[in-house]
Amino acid sequence: MKKINIIRKSKEFAKMIKNRHYYSNRFFIIYIMKKSEKYFRFGISIPKKVGKSVIRNKIKRQIKSIIDNNKKFNRDLDYVIIVRKEILNLKYKEMAESLNLLLSKIDGECKK
């Protein structure tokens, strides 16, 4: 994932969460916001209750890998992915299926 595609500032996270346009499943909450740039951006947030920093960083790396492998993103959106604690029980393949299903749902509804 390129650095240009990463949301890092807490102001941007807060703005997207305040926008309150989100999709969720048992493992993820994805907030989206329309924008004018021609590239999509992602932010990943994992609360401390998910685990120690080693585990949280591993999950972040896995999510970034899933995002890099999935090319079906709406280019007009910014995404903030918030991970729920239940993610600890998932294997990588199940995590990828769950996240891809949620992203395809977002893509389908945004094209309408």
Protein backbone atom coordinates (compact mmCIF):
# COMPACT_ATOMS: atom_id res chain seq x y z
CA MET A 1 0.00 0.00 0.00
CA LYS A 2 1.41 3.38 -0.99
CA LYS A 3 1.87 6.06 1.64
CA ILE A 4 -0.41 8.37 -0.33
CA ASN A 5 -3.26 5.89 0.24
CA ILE A 6 -3.04 5.90 4.05
CA ILE A 7 -5.07 8.09 6.39
CA ARG A 8 -3.01 8.90 9.47
CA LYS A 9 -4.32 12.10 11.05
CA SER A 10 -6.75 11.77 13.93
CA LYS A 11 -8.71 14.76 12.60
CA GLU A 12 -9.48 12.84 9.41
CA PHE A 13 -10.51 9.76 11.40
CA ALA A 14 -12.80 11.89 13.59
CA LYS A 15 -14.32 13.65 10.57
CA MET A 16 -15.18 10.34 8.90
CA ILE A 17 -16.64 8.84 12.06
CA LYS A 18 -18.67 12.00 12.65
CA ASN A 19 -20.03 11.63 9.10
CA ARG A 20 -21.68 8.40 10.35
CA HIS A 21 -21.93 6.67 6.99
CA TYR A 22 -20.76 3.14 7.75
CA TYR A 23 -21.14 -0.56 6.99
CA SER A 24 -20.41 -3.29 9.48
CA ASN A 25 -20.31 -7.00 10.12
CA ARG A 26 -19.23 -9.08 13.08
CA PHE A 27 -15.53 -8.32 12.65
CA PHE A 28 -15.25 -4.88 11.03
CA ILE A 29 -16.85 -1.44 10.93
CA ILE A 30 -16.01 0.50 7.77
CA TYR A 31 -16.74 4.23 7.68
CA ILE A 32 -16.80 5.82 4.24
CA MET A 33 -16.77 9.37 2.97
CA LYS A 34 -16.95 10.73 -0.57
CA LYS A 35 -14.11 12.95 -1.74
CA SER A 36 -12.79 14.60 -4.88
CA GLU A 37 -9.34 13.02 -5.31
CA LYS A 38 -8.97 10.28 -7.90
CA TYR A 39 -7.42 7.76 -5.53
CA PHE A 40 -8.88 5.98 -2.52
CA ARG A 41 -7.38 6.19 0.97
CA PHE A 42 -7.54 3.80 3.91
CA GLY A 43 -7.17 4.19 7.64
CA ILE A 44 -7.02 1.21 9.98
CA SER A 45 -7.85 1.47 13.67
CA ILE A 46 -7.52 -1.38 16.13
CA PRO A 47 -8.52 -0.71 19.76
CA LYS A 48 -6.23 -1.79 22.60
CA LYS A 49 -8.82 -4.29 23.83
CA VAL A 50 -8.04 -6.42 20.75
CA GLY A 51 -4.62 -7.34 22.12
CA LYS A 52 -1.06 -6.25 22.68
CA SER A 53 0.74 -4.14 20.08
CA VAL A 54 2.36 -7.17 18.42
CA ILE A 55 -1.05 -8.68 17.70
CA ARG A 56 -2.56 -5.35 16.60
CA ASN A 57 0.33 -4.69 14.20
CA LYS A 58 0.03 -8.20 12.76
CA ILE A 59 -3.67 -7.62 12.10
CA LYS A 60 -2.87 -4.25 10.46
CA ARG A 61 -0.32 -5.92 8.17
CA GLN A 62 -2.84 -8.61 7.24
CA ILE A 63 -5.53 -6.02 6.45
CA LYS A 64 -3.09 -4.01 4.32
CA SER A 65 -2.23 -7.19 2.43
CA ILE A 66 -5.93 -7.91 1.82
CA ILE A 67 -6.43 -4.35 0.57
CA ASP A 68 -3.43 -4.60 -1.78
CA ASN A 69 -4.78 -7.85 -3.25
CA ASN A 70 -8.32 -6.50 -3.70
CA LYS A 71 -8.60 -4.09 -6.63
CA LYS A 72 -12.37 -3.51 -6.53
CA PHE A 73 -12.48 -0.22 -4.67
CA ASN A 74 -14.59 2.79 -5.35
CA ARG A 75 -11.97 5.44 -6.17
CA ASP A 76 -14.22 8.27 -4.95
CA LEU A 77 -14.22 7.14 -1.31
CA ASP A 78 -12.04 7.26 1.77
CA TYR A 79 -12.30 4.24 4.06
CA VAL A 80 -11.66 3.89 7.79
CA ILE A 81 -11.62 0.28 8.98
CA ILE A 82 -12.20 -0.32 12.68
CA VAL A 83 -11.51 -3.84 13.86
CA ARG A 84 -13.64 -5.56 16.48
CA LYS A 85 -12.31 -7.90 19.18
CA GLU A 86 -13.87 -10.99 17.54
CA ILE A 87 -11.15 -10.79 14.86
CA LEU A 88 -8.82 -12.69 17.20
CA ASN A 89 -10.68 -15.94 16.48
CA LEU A 90 -10.24 -15.68 12.68
CA LYS A 91 -7.63 -17.13 10.39
CA TYR A 92 -6.23 -14.95 7.59
CA LYS A 93 -8.39 -16.53 4.88
CA GLU A 94 -11.59 -16.01 6.88
CA MET A 95 -10.56 -12.42 7.62
CA ALA A 96 -9.98 -11.80 3.91
CA GLU A 97 -13.37 -13.26 2.97
CA SER A 98 -15.17 -11.18 5.59
CA LEU A 99 -13.44 -7.93 4.62
CA ASN A 100 -13.83 -8.53 0.87
CA LEU A 101 -17.52 -9.29 1.31
CA LEU A 102 -18.04 -6.04 3.21
CA LEU A 103 -16.04 -4.03 0.66
CA SER A 104 -17.98 -5.51 -2.25
CA LYS A 105 -21.23 -4.62 -0.44
CA ILE A 106 -20.02 -1.02 -0.14
CA ASP A 107 -18.98 -0.95 -3.79
CA GLY A 108 -22.34 -2.34 -4.91
CA GLU A 109 -24.38 0.15 -2.91
CA CYS A 110 -22.25 3.16 -3.89
CA LYS A 111 -22.69 2.44 -7.61
CA LYS A 112 -26.48 2.65 -7.35
